[in-house]
PDB file of N, CA and C in Angstrom:
ATOM      1  N   MET A   1     -14.635 -35.034   7.540  1.00  0.00           N
ATOM      2  CA  MET A   1     -15.578 -34.271   6.723  1.00  0.00           C
ATOM      3  C   MET A   1     -13.834 -34.484   5.752  1.00  0.00           C
ATOM      4  N   SER A   2     -14.217 -35.496   4.626  1.00  0.00           N
ATOM      5  CA  SER A   2     -12.927 -35.451   3.623  1.00  0.00           C
ATOM      6  C   SER A   2     -12.387 -34.301   3.065  1.00  0.00           C
ATOM      7  N   ARG A   3     -11.532 -34.798   1.984  1.00  0.00           N
ATOM      8  CA  ARG A   3     -10.271 -33.291   2.390  1.00  0.00           C
ATOM      9  C   ARG A   3     -10.762 -33.045   1.086  1.00  0.00           C
ATOM     10  N   GLU A   4     -11.444 -34.022   0.421  1.00  0.00           N
ATOM     11  CA  GLU A   4     -12.722 -32.809  -0.802  1.00  0.00           C
ATOM     12  C   GLU A   4     -12.979 -31.509  -0.817  1.00  0.00           C
ATOM     13  N   ARG A   5     -14.178 -32.291   0.128  1.00  0.00           N
ATOM     14  CA  ARG A   5     -14.478 -30.716   0.654  1.00  0.00           C
ATOM     15  C   ARG A   5     -14.138 -29.845   1.343  1.00  0.00           C
ATOM     16  N   LEU A   6     -13.299 -30.362   2.294  1.00  0.00           N
ATOM     17  CA  LEU A   6     -12.206 -29.284   3.185  1.00  0.00           C
ATOM     18  C   LEU A   6     -12.266 -28.059   1.952  1.00  0.00           C
ATOM     19  N   ALA A   7     -11.698 -28.683   1.049  1.00  0.00           N
ATOM     20  CA  ALA A   7     -10.880 -28.206   0.002  1.00  0.00           C
ATOM     21  C   ALA A   7     -11.481 -26.965  -0.907  1.00  0.00           C
ATOM     22  N   ALA A   8     -12.629 -27.837  -1.048  1.00  0.00           N
ATOM     23  CA  ALA A   8     -14.000 -26.797  -1.115  1.00  0.00           C
ATOM     24  C   ALA A   8     -13.904 -25.299  -1.218  1.00  0.00           C
ATOM     25  N   GLN A   9     -14.449 -26.285   0.164  1.00  0.00           N
ATOM     26  CA  GLN A   9     -15.178 -24.468   2.002  1.00  0.00           C
ATOM     27  C   GLN A   9     -14.079 -23.654   2.004  1.00  0.00           C
ATOM     28  N   GLN A  10     -12.517 -23.917   2.024  1.00  0.00           N
ATOM     29  CA  GLN A  10     -11.099 -23.035   1.360  1.00  0.00           C
ATOM     30  C   GLN A  10     -10.870 -22.558   0.349  1.00  0.00           C
ATOM     31  N   ALA A  11     -11.687 -23.432  -0.562  1.00  0.00           N
ATOM     32  CA  ALA A  11     -11.289 -22.407  -1.768  1.00  0.00           C
ATOM     33  C   ALA A  11     -12.568 -21.325  -2.046  1.00  0.00           C
ATOM     34  N   GLU A  12     -14.518 -21.495  -1.532  1.00  0.00           N
ATOM     35  CA  GLU A  12     -14.714 -20.862  -1.321  1.00  0.00           C
ATOM     36  C   GLU A  12     -14.875 -19.586  -0.344  1.00  0.00           C
ATOM     37  N   LEU A  13     -14.198 -19.848   0.169  1.00  0.00           N
ATOM     38  CA  LEU A  13     -13.267 -18.251   0.888  1.00  0.00           C
ATOM     39  C   LEU A  13     -12.623 -17.610   0.953  1.00  0.00           C
ATOM     40  N   LEU A  14     -11.609 -18.412   0.144  1.00  0.00           N
ATOM     41  CA  LEU A  14     -10.515 -16.915  -0.797  1.00  0.00           C
ATOM     42  C   LEU A  14     -11.346 -16.368  -2.034  1.00  0.00           C
ATOM     43  N   HIS A  15     -12.305 -17.032  -2.385  1.00  0.00           N
ATOM     44  CA  HIS A  15     -13.019 -16.190  -3.223  1.00  0.00           C
ATOM     45  C   HIS A  15     -13.832 -15.313  -2.842  1.00  0.00           C
ATOM     46  N   ALA A  16     -13.976 -15.665  -1.692  1.00  0.00           N
ATOM     47  CA  ALA A  16     -13.967 -14.287  -1.075  1.00  0.00           C
ATOM     48  C   ALA A  16     -14.149 -13.347  -0.552  1.00  0.00           C
ATOM     49  N   LEU A  17     -12.786 -14.082  -0.668  1.00  0.00           N
ATOM     50  CA  LEU A  17     -11.693 -12.407   0.005  1.00  0.00           C
ATOM     51  C   LEU A  17     -11.180 -12.282  -0.913  1.00  0.00           C
ATOM     52  N   LEU A  18     -10.767 -12.650  -1.468  1.00  0.00           N
ATOM     53  CA  LEU A  18      -9.405 -12.205  -2.687  1.00  0.00           C
ATOM     54  C   LEU A  18     -10.156 -11.293  -4.917  1.00  0.00           C
ATOM     55  N   ALA A  19     -11.466 -12.293  -4.261  1.00  0.00           N
ATOM     56  CA  ALA A  19     -12.361 -11.768  -5.790  1.00  0.00           C
ATOM     57  C   ALA A  19     -14.076 -11.404  -5.383  1.00  0.00           C
ATOM     58  N   ASP A  20     -14.493 -10.958  -4.183  1.00  0.00           N
ATOM     59  CA  ASP A  20     -15.375 -10.611  -3.957  1.00  0.00           C
ATOM     60  C   ASP A  20     -16.847 -11.524  -4.474  1.00  0.00           C
ATOM     61  N   GLY A  21     -16.184 -12.443  -3.659  1.00  0.00           N
ATOM     62  CA  GLY A  21     -16.837 -14.373  -4.151  1.00  0.00           C
ATOM     63  C   GLY A  21     -18.170 -13.699  -2.651  1.00  0.00           C
ATOM     64  N   PRO A  22     -19.935 -14.158  -2.673  1.00  0.00           N
ATOM     65  CA  PRO A  22     -20.739 -14.897  -2.140  1.00  0.00           C
ATOM     66  C   PRO A  22     -20.290 -15.212  -0.191  1.00  0.00           C
ATOM     67  N   ALA A  23     -20.421 -14.807   0.882  1.00  0.00           N
ATOM     68  CA  ALA A  23     -19.635 -15.760   1.815  1.00  0.00           C
ATOM     69  C   ALA A  23     -19.589 -16.833   2.017  1.00  0.00           C
ATOM     70  N   PRO A  24     -19.013 -17.442   2.117  1.00  0.00           N
ATOM     71  CA  PRO A  24     -19.488 -18.850   2.385  1.00  0.00           C
ATOM     72  C   PRO A  24     -20.523 -19.383   2.848  1.00  0.00           C
ATOM     73  N   VAL A  25     -21.324 -20.500   3.255  1.00  0.00           N
ATOM     74  CA  VAL A  25     -22.234 -21.016   4.785  1.00  0.00           C
ATOM     75  C   VAL A  25     -21.494 -20.924   5.691  1.00  0.00           C
ATOM     76  N   GLY A  26     -21.988 -19.779   6.506  1.00  0.00           N
ATOM     77  CA  GLY A  26     -21.432 -19.223   8.313  1.00  0.00           C
ATOM     78  C   GLY A  26     -20.350 -19.081   8.379  1.00  0.00           C
ATOM     79  N   PHE A  27     -19.934 -18.054   7.188  1.00  0.00           N
ATOM     80  CA  PHE A  27     -19.616 -16.995   7.033  1.00  0.00           C
ATOM     81  C   PHE A  27     -20.033 -15.621   7.369  1.00  0.00           C
ATOM     82  N   ASP A  28     -19.820 -14.339   8.720  1.00  0.00           N
ATOM     83  CA  ASP A  28     -20.741 -13.389   7.777  1.00  0.00           C
ATOM     84  C   ASP A  28     -19.762 -12.242   6.966  1.00  0.00           C
ATOM     85  N   ALA A  29     -21.034 -12.200   5.487  1.00  0.00           N
ATOM     86  CA  ALA A  29     -20.381 -11.395   4.951  1.00  0.00           C
ATOM     87  C   ALA A  29     -19.396  -9.993   5.337  1.00  0.00           C
ATOM     88  N   SER A  30     -20.530  -9.652   6.387  1.00  0.00           N
ATOM     89  CA  SER A  30     -19.854  -7.862   6.725  1.00  0.00           C
ATOM     90  C   SER A  30     -18.576  -8.370   6.871  1.00  0.00           C
ATOM     91  N   ARG A  31     -18.381  -8.966   7.874  1.00  0.00           N
ATOM     92  CA  ARG A  31     -16.614  -9.262   8.539  1.00  0.00           C
ATOM     93  C   ARG A  31     -15.620 -10.542   7.462  1.00  0.00           C
ATOM     94  N   LEU A  32     -15.887 -10.416   6.388  1.00  0.00           N
ATOM     95  CA  LEU A  32     -14.914 -11.401   5.841  1.00  0.00           C
ATOM     96  C   LEU A  32     -14.957  -9.563   4.893  1.00  0.00           C
ATOM     97  N   ARG A  33     -16.449  -8.327   4.193  1.00  0.00           N
ATOM     98  CA  ARG A  33     -15.617  -8.491   3.351  1.00  0.00           C
ATOM     99  C   ARG A  33     -14.891  -7.047   4.018  1.00  0.00           C
ATOM    100  N   VAL A  34     -15.191  -6.562   5.806  1.00  0.00           N
ATOM    101  CA  VAL A  34     -13.542  -6.369   6.225  1.00  0.00           C
ATOM    102  C   VAL A  34     -11.834  -6.837   6.265  1.00  0.00           C
ATOM    103  N   GLU A  35     -11.553  -8.358   6.115  1.00  0.00           N
ATOM    104  CA  GLU A  35     -11.354  -8.625   5.801  1.00  0.00           C
ATOM    105  C   GLU A  35     -10.346  -8.475   4.978  1.00  0.00           C
ATOM    106  N   ALA A  36     -10.791  -8.685   3.729  1.00  0.00           N
ATOM    107  CA  ALA A  36     -11.131  -8.926   2.389  1.00  0.00           C
ATOM    108  C   ALA A  36     -10.476  -7.315   1.855  1.00  0.00           C
ATOM    109  N   GLN A  37     -11.062  -6.312   2.906  1.00  0.00           N
ATOM    110  CA  GLN A  37     -10.081  -4.949   2.406  1.00  0.00           C
ATOM    111  C   GLN A  37      -8.597  -4.659   3.014  1.00  0.00           C
ATOM    112  N   VAL A  38      -8.377  -5.600   3.935  1.00  0.00           N
ATOM    113  CA  VAL A  38      -7.046  -5.465   4.580  1.00  0.00           C
ATOM    114  C   VAL A  38      -6.663  -6.164   3.855  1.00  0.00           C
ATOM    115  N   LEU A  39      -7.105  -7.358   3.125  1.00  0.00           N
ATOM    116  CA  LEU A  39      -5.650  -8.066   1.945  1.00  0.00           C
ATOM    117  C   LEU A  39      -5.118  -7.606   1.193  1.00  0.00           C
ATOM    118  N   ARG A  40      -6.563  -6.442   0.298  1.00  0.00           N
ATOM    119  CA  ARG A  40      -6.649  -6.028  -0.692  1.00  0.00           C
ATOM    120  C   ARG A  40      -4.717  -5.051  -0.351  1.00  0.00           C
ATOM    121  N   ARG A  41      -5.028  -4.183   1.374  1.00  0.00           N
ATOM    122  CA  ARG A  41      -4.259  -3.121   1.627  1.00  0.00           C
ATOM    123  C   ARG A  41      -3.211  -4.096   1.449  1.00  0.00           C
ATOM    124  N   LYS A  42      -3.035  -5.233   2.110  1.00  0.00           N
ATOM    125  CA  LYS A  42      -1.419  -5.798   2.167  1.00  0.00           C
ATOM    126  C   LYS A  42      -0.699  -6.382   0.819  1.00  0.00           C
ATOM    127  N   HIS A  43      -1.814  -6.883   0.624  1.00  0.00           N
ATOM    128  CA  HIS A  43      -1.321  -6.621  -1.177  1.00  0.00           C
ATOM    129  C   HIS A  43      -0.581  -6.002  -1.081  1.00  0.00           C
ATOM    130  N   GLY A  44      -1.428  -4.696  -1.698  1.00  0.00           N
ATOM    131  CA  GLY A  44      -0.597  -2.596  -2.201  1.00  0.00           C
ATOM    132  C   GLY A  44       0.541  -2.763  -1.067  1.00  0.00           C
ATOM    133  N   ARG A  45       0.862  -2.699  -0.315  1.00  0.00           N
ATOM    134  CA  ARG A  45       2.017  -2.904   0.562  1.00  0.00           C
ATOM    135  C   ARG A  45       3.414  -3.720  -0.357  1.00  0.00           C
ATOM    136  N   VAL A  46       2.701  -5.101   0.257  1.00  0.00           N
ATOM    137  CA  VAL A  46       3.889  -5.878  -0.290  1.00  0.00           C
ATOM    138  C   VAL A  46       3.818  -5.413  -1.679  1.00  0.00           C
ATOM    139  N   LEU A  47       2.645  -4.952  -2.353  1.00  0.00           N
ATOM    140  CA  LEU A  47       4.051  -5.044  -4.035  1.00  0.00           C
ATOM    141  C   LEU A  47       5.008  -3.738  -4.085  1.00  0.00           C
ATOM    142  N   ALA A  48       4.230  -2.399  -3.135  1.00  0.00           N
ATOM    143  CA  ALA A  48       5.332  -1.199  -3.168  1.00  0.00           C
ATOM    144  C   ALA A  48       6.590  -1.595  -2.224  1.00  0.00           C
ATOM    145  N   TYR A  49       6.095  -2.939  -1.264  1.00  0.00           N
ATOM    146  CA  TYR A  49       7.496  -3.720  -0.718  1.00  0.00           C
ATOM    147  C   TYR A  49       8.614  -3.366  -1.748  1.00  0.00           C
ATOM    148  N   GLN A  50       7.876  -4.267  -2.726  1.00  0.00           N
ATOM    149  CA  GLN A  50       8.543  -5.429  -3.351  1.00  0.00           C
ATOM    150  C   GLN A  50       8.952  -4.677  -5.447  1.00  0.00           C
ATOM    151  N   ARG A  51       8.130  -2.878  -5.086  1.00  0.00           N
ATOM    152  CA  ARG A  51       8.820  -2.542  -6.130  1.00  0.00           C
ATOM    153  C   ARG A  51       8.995  -1.034  -6.254  1.00  0.00           C
ATOM    154  N   PRO A  52       9.831  -0.435  -4.903  1.00  0.00           N
ATOM    155  CA  PRO A  52       9.790   1.421  -4.358  1.00  0.00           C
ATOM    156  C   PRO A  52       9.908   1.685  -5.718  1.00  0.00           C
ATOM    157  N   GLU A  53      10.369   1.300  -6.384  1.00  0.00           N
ATOM    158  CA  GLU A  53      10.581   2.513  -7.457  1.00  0.00           C
ATOM    159  C   GLU A  53       9.178   2.532  -7.609  1.00  0.00           C
ATOM    160  N   LEU A  54       8.397   1.763  -8.837  1.00  0.00           N
ATOM    161  CA  LEU A  54       6.990   1.959  -8.487  1.00  0.00           C
ATOM    162  C   LEU A  54       5.944   2.720  -7.282  1.00  0.00           C
ATOM    163  N   ALA A  55       6.292   2.177  -6.431  1.00  0.00           N
ATOM    164  CA  ALA A  55       4.824   3.511  -5.466  1.00  0.00           C
ATOM    165  C   ALA A  55       6.075   4.431  -5.286  1.00  0.00           C
ATOM    166  N   GLU A  56       7.508   5.214  -5.426  1.00  0.00           N
ATOM    167  CA  GLU A  56       8.403   6.251  -5.639  1.00  0.00           C
ATOM    168  C   GLU A  56       7.348   7.562  -6.833  1.00  0.00           C
ATOM    169  N   ASP A  57       8.216   6.642  -7.847  1.00  0.00           N
ATOM    170  CA  ASP A  57       7.437   7.023  -8.845  1.00  0.00           C
ATOM    171  C   ASP A  57       5.480   7.238  -9.334  1.00  0.00           C
ATOM    172  N   LEU A  58       4.649   6.441  -8.697  1.00  0.00           N
ATOM    173  CA  LEU A  58       3.205   7.341  -8.206  1.00  0.00           C
ATOM    174  C   LEU A  58       2.549   8.391  -7.706  1.00  0.00           C
ATOM    175  N   GLY A  59       4.011   8.321  -6.213  1.00  0.00           N
ATOM    176  CA  GLY A  59       3.460   8.829  -5.186  1.00  0.00           C
ATOM    177  C   GLY A  59       2.118   8.449  -4.702  1.00  0.00           C
ATOM    178  N   ASP A  60       1.876   9.572  -4.669  1.00  0.00           N
ATOM    179  CA  ASP A  60       0.049   9.727  -3.530  1.00  0.00           C
ATOM    180  C   ASP A  60      -1.198   9.043  -4.459  1.00  0.00           C
ATOM    181  N   ARG A  61      -0.562   9.137  -6.278  1.00  0.00           N
ATOM    182  CA  ARG A  61      -1.379   8.045  -7.135  1.00  0.00           C
ATOM    183  C   ARG A  61      -1.511   6.583  -6.556  1.00  0.00           C
ATOM    184  N   PHE A  62      -0.649   5.537  -5.668  1.00  0.00           N
ATOM    185  CA  PHE A  62       0.027   4.654  -6.166  1.00  0.00           C
ATOM    186  C   PHE A  62      -1.489   4.100  -5.031  1.00  0.00           C
ATOM    187  N   GLY A  63      -1.454   4.448  -3.660  1.00  0.00           N
ATOM    188  CA  GLY A  63      -2.790   4.075  -2.933  1.00  0.00           C
ATOM    189  C   GLY A  63      -3.819   3.681  -4.262  1.00  0.00           C
ATOM    190  N   PRO A  64      -4.423   4.727  -4.428  1.00  0.00           N
ATOM    191  CA  PRO A  64      -5.677   4.975  -4.644  1.00  0.00           C
ATOM    192  C   PRO A  64      -5.998   3.697  -6.603  1.00  0.00           C
ATOM    193  N   LEU A  65      -4.404   4.213  -7.130  1.00  0.00           N
ATOM    194  CA  LEU A  65      -4.470   3.000  -8.659  1.00  0.00           C
ATOM    195  C   LEU A  65      -4.106   1.800  -8.215  1.00  0.00           C
ATOM    196  N   PHE A  66      -3.728   1.588  -7.191  1.00  0.00           N
ATOM    197  CA  PHE A  66      -4.020   0.315  -6.530  1.00  0.00           C
ATOM    198  C   PHE A  66      -5.368  -0.487  -6.924  1.00  0.00           C
ATOM    199  N   ALA A  67      -5.111   0.157  -5.922  1.00  0.00           N
ATOM    200  CA  ALA A  67      -7.274   0.265  -5.141  1.00  0.00           C
ATOM    201  C   ALA A  67      -7.855   0.329  -6.620  1.00  0.00           C
ATOM    202  N   GLU A  68      -7.969   1.340  -7.313  1.00  0.00           N
ATOM    203  CA  GLU A  68      -8.740   0.633  -8.721  1.00  0.00           C
ATOM    204  C   GLU A  68      -8.354  -0.711  -9.239  1.00  0.00           C
ATOM    205  N   PHE A  69      -7.065  -0.968  -9.392  1.00  0.00           N
ATOM    206  CA  PHE A  69      -6.424  -2.313 -10.110  1.00  0.00           C
ATOM    207  C   PHE A  69      -7.380  -3.103  -9.222  1.00  0.00           C
ATOM    208  N   ASN A  70      -6.671  -3.452  -8.388  1.00  0.00           N
ATOM    209  CA  ASN A  70      -6.856  -4.334  -7.785  1.00  0.00           C
ATOM    210  C   ASN A  70      -8.743  -5.420  -7.524  1.00  0.00           C
ATOM    211  N   ALA A  71      -9.498  -4.113  -7.543  1.00  0.00           N
ATOM    212  CA  ALA A  71     -10.914  -4.036  -7.950  1.00  0.00           C
ATOM    213  C   ALA A  71     -11.347  -5.124  -9.106  1.00  0.00           C
ATOM    214  N   GLU A  72     -10.687  -4.945 -10.144  1.00  0.00           N
ATOM    215  CA  GLU A  72     -10.652  -5.138 -11.516  1.00  0.00           C
ATOM    216  C   GLU A  72     -10.421  -6.091 -11.776  1.00  0.00           C
ATOM    217  N   ARG A  73      -9.018  -6.451 -10.922  1.00  0.00           N
ATOM    218  CA  ARG A  73      -9.012  -7.683 -10.897  1.00  0.00           C
ATOM    219  C   ARG A  73      -7.673  -8.202  -9.961  1.00  0.00           C
ATOM    220  N   PRO A  74      -8.414  -8.376  -8.836  1.00  0.00           N
ATOM    221  CA  PRO A  74      -8.202  -9.159  -7.865  1.00  0.00           C
ATOM    222  C   PRO A  74      -6.144 -10.558  -7.869  1.00  0.00           C
ATOM    223  N   LYS A  75      -6.354 -10.475  -7.376  1.00  0.00           N
ATOM    224  CA  LYS A  75      -5.433 -11.160  -7.004  1.00  0.00           C
ATOM    225  C   LYS A  75      -5.468 -12.390  -6.910  1.00  0.00           C
ATOM    226  N   ARG A  76      -5.119 -13.571  -7.799  1.00  0.00           N
ATOM    227  CA  ARG A  76      -5.467 -15.378  -7.468  1.00  0.00           C
ATOM    228  C   ARG A  76      -5.268 -15.606  -6.683  1.00  0.00           C
ATOM    229  N   ASP A  77      -5.655 -17.209  -6.013  1.00  0.00           N
ATOM    230  CA  ASP A  77      -5.422 -17.712  -5.070  1.00  0.00           C
ATOM    231  C   ASP A  77      -3.798 -18.391  -5.099  1.00  0.00           C
ATOM    232  N   THR A  78      -4.054 -18.315  -6.718  1.00  0.00           N
ATOM    233  CA  THR A  78      -2.169 -19.430  -6.697  1.00  0.00           C
ATOM    234  C   THR A  78      -1.401 -18.412  -7.513  1.00  0.00           C
ATOM    235  N   GLU A  79      -1.539 -17.672  -7.280  1.00  0.00           N
ATOM    236  CA  GLU A  79      -0.837 -16.320  -8.195  1.00  0.00           C
ATOM    237  C   GLU A  79       0.280 -15.489  -6.928  1.00  0.00           C
ATOM    238  N   ARG A  80       1.790 -16.458  -7.647  1.00  0.00           N
ATOM    239  CA  ARG A  80       3.127 -15.182  -6.780  1.00  0.00           C
ATOM    240  C   ARG A  80       2.780 -13.608  -6.592  1.00  0.00           C
ATOM    241  N   SER A  81       3.202 -13.159  -6.261  1.00  0.00           N
ATOM    242  CA  SER A  81       3.444 -11.749  -5.885  1.00  0.00           C
ATOM    243  C   SER A  81       3.628 -10.846  -7.075  1.00  0.00           C
ATOM    244  N   GLY A  82       4.915 -11.562  -7.122  1.00  0.00           N
ATOM    245  CA  GLY A  82       6.008 -11.369  -8.725  1.00  0.00           C
ATOM    246  C   GLY A  82       4.947 -11.251  -9.270  1.00  0.00           C
ATOM    247  N   ALA A  83       4.300 -11.935 -10.580  1.00  0.00           N
ATOM    248  CA  ALA A  83       3.782 -11.874 -11.258  1.00  0.00           C
ATOM    249  C   ALA A  83       1.969 -10.843 -11.173  1.00  0.00           C
ATOM    250  N   TYR A  84       1.614 -10.939 -10.174  1.00  0.00           N
ATOM    251  CA  TYR A  84       0.782  -9.944  -9.891  1.00  0.00           C
ATOM    252  C   TYR A  84       1.249  -8.650  -9.487  1.00  0.00           C
ATOM    253  N   ALA A  85       2.181  -8.117  -9.424  1.00  0.00           N
ATOM    254  CA  ALA A  85       2.948  -6.727  -9.516  1.00  0.00           C
ATOM    255  C   ALA A  85       3.211  -6.862 -10.806  1.00  0.00           C
ATOM    256  N   ASP A  86       3.549  -7.504 -11.746  1.00  0.00           N
ATOM    257  CA  ASP A  86       3.935  -6.909 -13.833  1.00  0.00           C
ATOM    258  C   ASP A  86       2.333  -6.765 -14.218  1.00  0.00           C
ATOM    259  N   ALA A  87       1.006  -7.839 -13.184  1.00  0.00           N
ATOM    260  CA  ALA A  87       0.024  -7.199 -14.074  1.00  0.00           C
ATOM    261  C   ALA A  87      -0.405  -6.077 -13.501  1.00  0.00           C
ATOM    262  N   PHE A  88      -0.684  -5.025 -12.735  1.00  0.00           N
ATOM    263  CA  PHE A  88      -0.182  -3.932 -12.108  1.00  0.00           C
ATOM    264  C   PHE A  88       0.761  -2.743 -12.771  1.00  0.00           C
ATOM    265  N   VAL A  89       1.699  -3.624 -13.009  1.00  0.00           N
ATOM    266  CA  VAL A  89       2.620  -2.575 -13.722  1.00  0.00           C
ATOM    267  C   VAL A  89       2.204  -3.024 -15.561  1.00  0.00           C
ATOM    268  N   GLU A  90       1.490  -3.469 -16.030  1.00  0.00           N
ATOM    269  CA  GLU A  90       0.707  -3.814 -17.478  1.00  0.00           C
ATOM    270  C   GLU A  90      -0.687  -2.825 -17.264  1.00  0.00           C
ATOM    271  N   TRP A  91      -0.706  -3.248 -16.221  1.00  0.00           N
ATOM    272  CA  TRP A  91      -2.616  -2.202 -16.449  1.00  0.00           C
ATOM    273  C   TRP A  91      -2.275  -0.167 -16.039  1.00  0.00           C
ATOM    274  N   LEU A  92      -0.540  -0.316 -15.327  1.00  0.00           N
ATOM    275  CA  LEU A  92      -0.698   1.118 -15.382  1.00  0.00           C
ATOM    276  C   LEU A  92      -0.338   2.075 -16.973  1.00  0.00           C
ATOM    277  N   ILE A  93       0.521   0.904 -17.181  1.00  0.00           N
ATOM    278  CA  ILE A  93       1.098   1.742 -18.749  1.00  0.00           C
ATOM    279  C   ILE A  93       0.119   1.330 -19.678  1.00  0.00           C
ATOM    280  N   ALA A  94      -0.415   0.310 -19.503  1.00  0.00           N
ATOM    281  CA  ALA A  94      -1.997   0.156 -20.797  1.00  0.00           C
ATOM    282  C   ALA A  94      -2.708   1.669 -20.329  1.00  0.00           C
ATOM    283  N   GLY A  95      -3.286   1.809 -19.377  1.00  0.00           N
ATOM    284  CA  GLY A  95      -4.194   3.544 -18.542  1.00  0.00           C
ATOM    285  C   GLY A  95      -3.444   4.743 -18.969  1.00  0.00           C
ATOM    286  N   GLY A  96      -2.372   4.700 -19.323  1.00  0.00           N
ATOM    287  CA  GLY A  96      -0.885   5.867 -19.592  1.00  0.00           C
ATOM    288  C   GLY A  96      -0.868   5.980 -18.612  1.00  0.00           C
ATOM    289  N   HIS A  97      -1.090   5.834 -17.030  1.00  0.00           N
ATOM    290  CA  HIS A  97      -0.623   6.179 -15.830  1.00  0.00           C
ATOM    291  C   HIS A  97       0.308   6.209 -15.846  1.00  0.00           C
ATOM    292  N   LEU A  98       1.946   5.359 -16.179  1.00  0.00           N
ATOM    293  CA  LEU A  98       3.000   5.665 -16.392  1.00  0.00           C
ATOM    294  C   LEU A  98       3.965   5.015 -18.110  1.00  0.00           C
ATOM    295  N   PRO A  99       4.897   5.842 -18.097  1.00  0.00           N
ATOM    296  CA  PRO A  99       4.821   5.912 -20.474  1.00  0.00           C
ATOM    297  C   PRO A  99       5.204   4.205 -19.913  1.00  0.00           C
ATOM    298  N   LYS A 100       5.249   4.583 -21.268  1.00  0.00           N
ATOM    299  CA  LYS A 100       5.601   2.899 -21.878  1.00  0.00           C
ATOM    300  C   LYS A 100       7.240   2.769 -21.480  1.00  0.00           C
ATOM    301  N   PRO A 101       8.088   1.702 -20.977  1.00  0.00           N
ATOM    302  CA  PRO A 101       8.484   1.780 -20.767  1.00  0.00           C
ATOM    303  C   PRO A 101      10.288   0.999 -21.513  1.00  0.00           C
ATOM    304  N   LYS A 102      11.832   1.205 -21.638  1.00  0.00           N
ATOM    305  CA  LYS A 102      11.876   0.835 -22.587  1.00  0.00           C
ATOM    306  C   LYS A 102      12.070  -0.356 -22.718  1.00  0.00           C
ATOM    307  N   ARG A 103      12.260  -0.820 -24.389  1.00  0.00           N
ATOM    308  CA  ARG A 103      11.782  -2.553 -24.040  1.00  0.00           C
ATOM    309  C   ARG A 103      12.437  -3.882 -22.814  1.00  0.00           C
ATOM    310  N   GLY A 104      13.363  -3.170 -22.372  1.00  0.00           N
ATOM    311  CA  GLY A 104      13.269  -3.934 -21.073  1.00  0.00           C
ATOM    312  C   GLY A 104      12.265  -4.627 -20.354  1.00  0.00           C
ATOM    313  N   PHE A 105      12.025  -3.702 -19.557  1.00  0.00           N
ATOM    314  CA  PHE A 105      10.209  -5.100 -18.592  1.00  0.00           C
ATOM    315  C   PHE A 105       9.306  -5.443 -19.383  1.00  0.00           C
ATOM    316  N   VAL A 106       9.203  -4.500 -20.480  1.00  0.00           N
ATOM    317  CA  VAL A 106       7.581  -5.606 -21.264  1.00  0.00           C
ATOM    318  C   VAL A 106       8.490  -6.374 -21.934  1.00  0.00           C
ATOM    319  N   SER A 107       9.621  -6.502 -22.651  1.00  0.00           N
ATOM    320  CA  SER A 107       9.927  -7.509 -22.532  1.00  0.00           C
ATOM    321  C   SER A 107      10.150  -8.586 -21.763  1.00  0.00           C
ATOM    322  N   ARG A 108      10.822  -8.813 -21.159  1.00  0.00           N
ATOM    323  CA  ARG A 108      10.886  -9.306 -19.898  1.00  0.00           C
ATOM    324  C   ARG A 108       9.745 -10.099 -19.799  1.00  0.00           C
ATOM    325  N   LEU A 109       8.427  -9.543 -18.983  1.00  0.00           N
ATOM    326  CA  LEU A 109       7.112 -10.103 -19.305  1.00  0.00           C
ATOM    327  C   LEU A 109       7.020 -10.586 -20.401  1.00  0.00           C
ATOM    328  N   ARG A 110       7.026 -10.742 -20.864  1.00  0.00           N
ATOM    329  CA  ARG A 110       6.252 -12.198 -22.417  1.00  0.00           C
ATOM    330  C   ARG A 110       7.524 -13.049 -23.120  1.00  0.00           C
ATOM    331  N   ARG A 111       8.636 -13.102 -21.992  1.00  0.00           N
ATOM    332  CA  ARG A 111       9.759 -14.210 -21.874  1.00  0.00           C
ATOM    333  C   ARG A 111       9.384 -15.590 -20.253  1.00  0.00           C
ATOM    334  N   ARG A 112       8.492 -14.666 -19.731  1.00  0.00           N
ATOM    335  CA  ARG A 112       8.000 -16.114 -18.967  1.00  0.00           C
ATOM    336  C   ARG A 112       7.352 -16.762 -18.630  1.00  0.00           C
TER     337      ARG A 112
END
């Protein structure tokens, strides 16, 4: 198998796992959905670990809000966890789930 074909198959699998894409040939769609749910929860735990103040501020709302965000905007395979966390915070602010911060955070995001 060529490297190009292997890379294409890996991309299909990542798309199925991270962005609700169709199951690649040879994969069980129901098992991939289970794995995708596991990965999404893992992304939420990593984000809560990286931003403990965010998880604390949201409390019990963290899990459901992250699930809603992740359903609308799955993590890209090339995206760093920190950038994904920033996108989640921006989504929370835009949706009124968090108050708009005083200058610091948003201006830091724009400089990246």
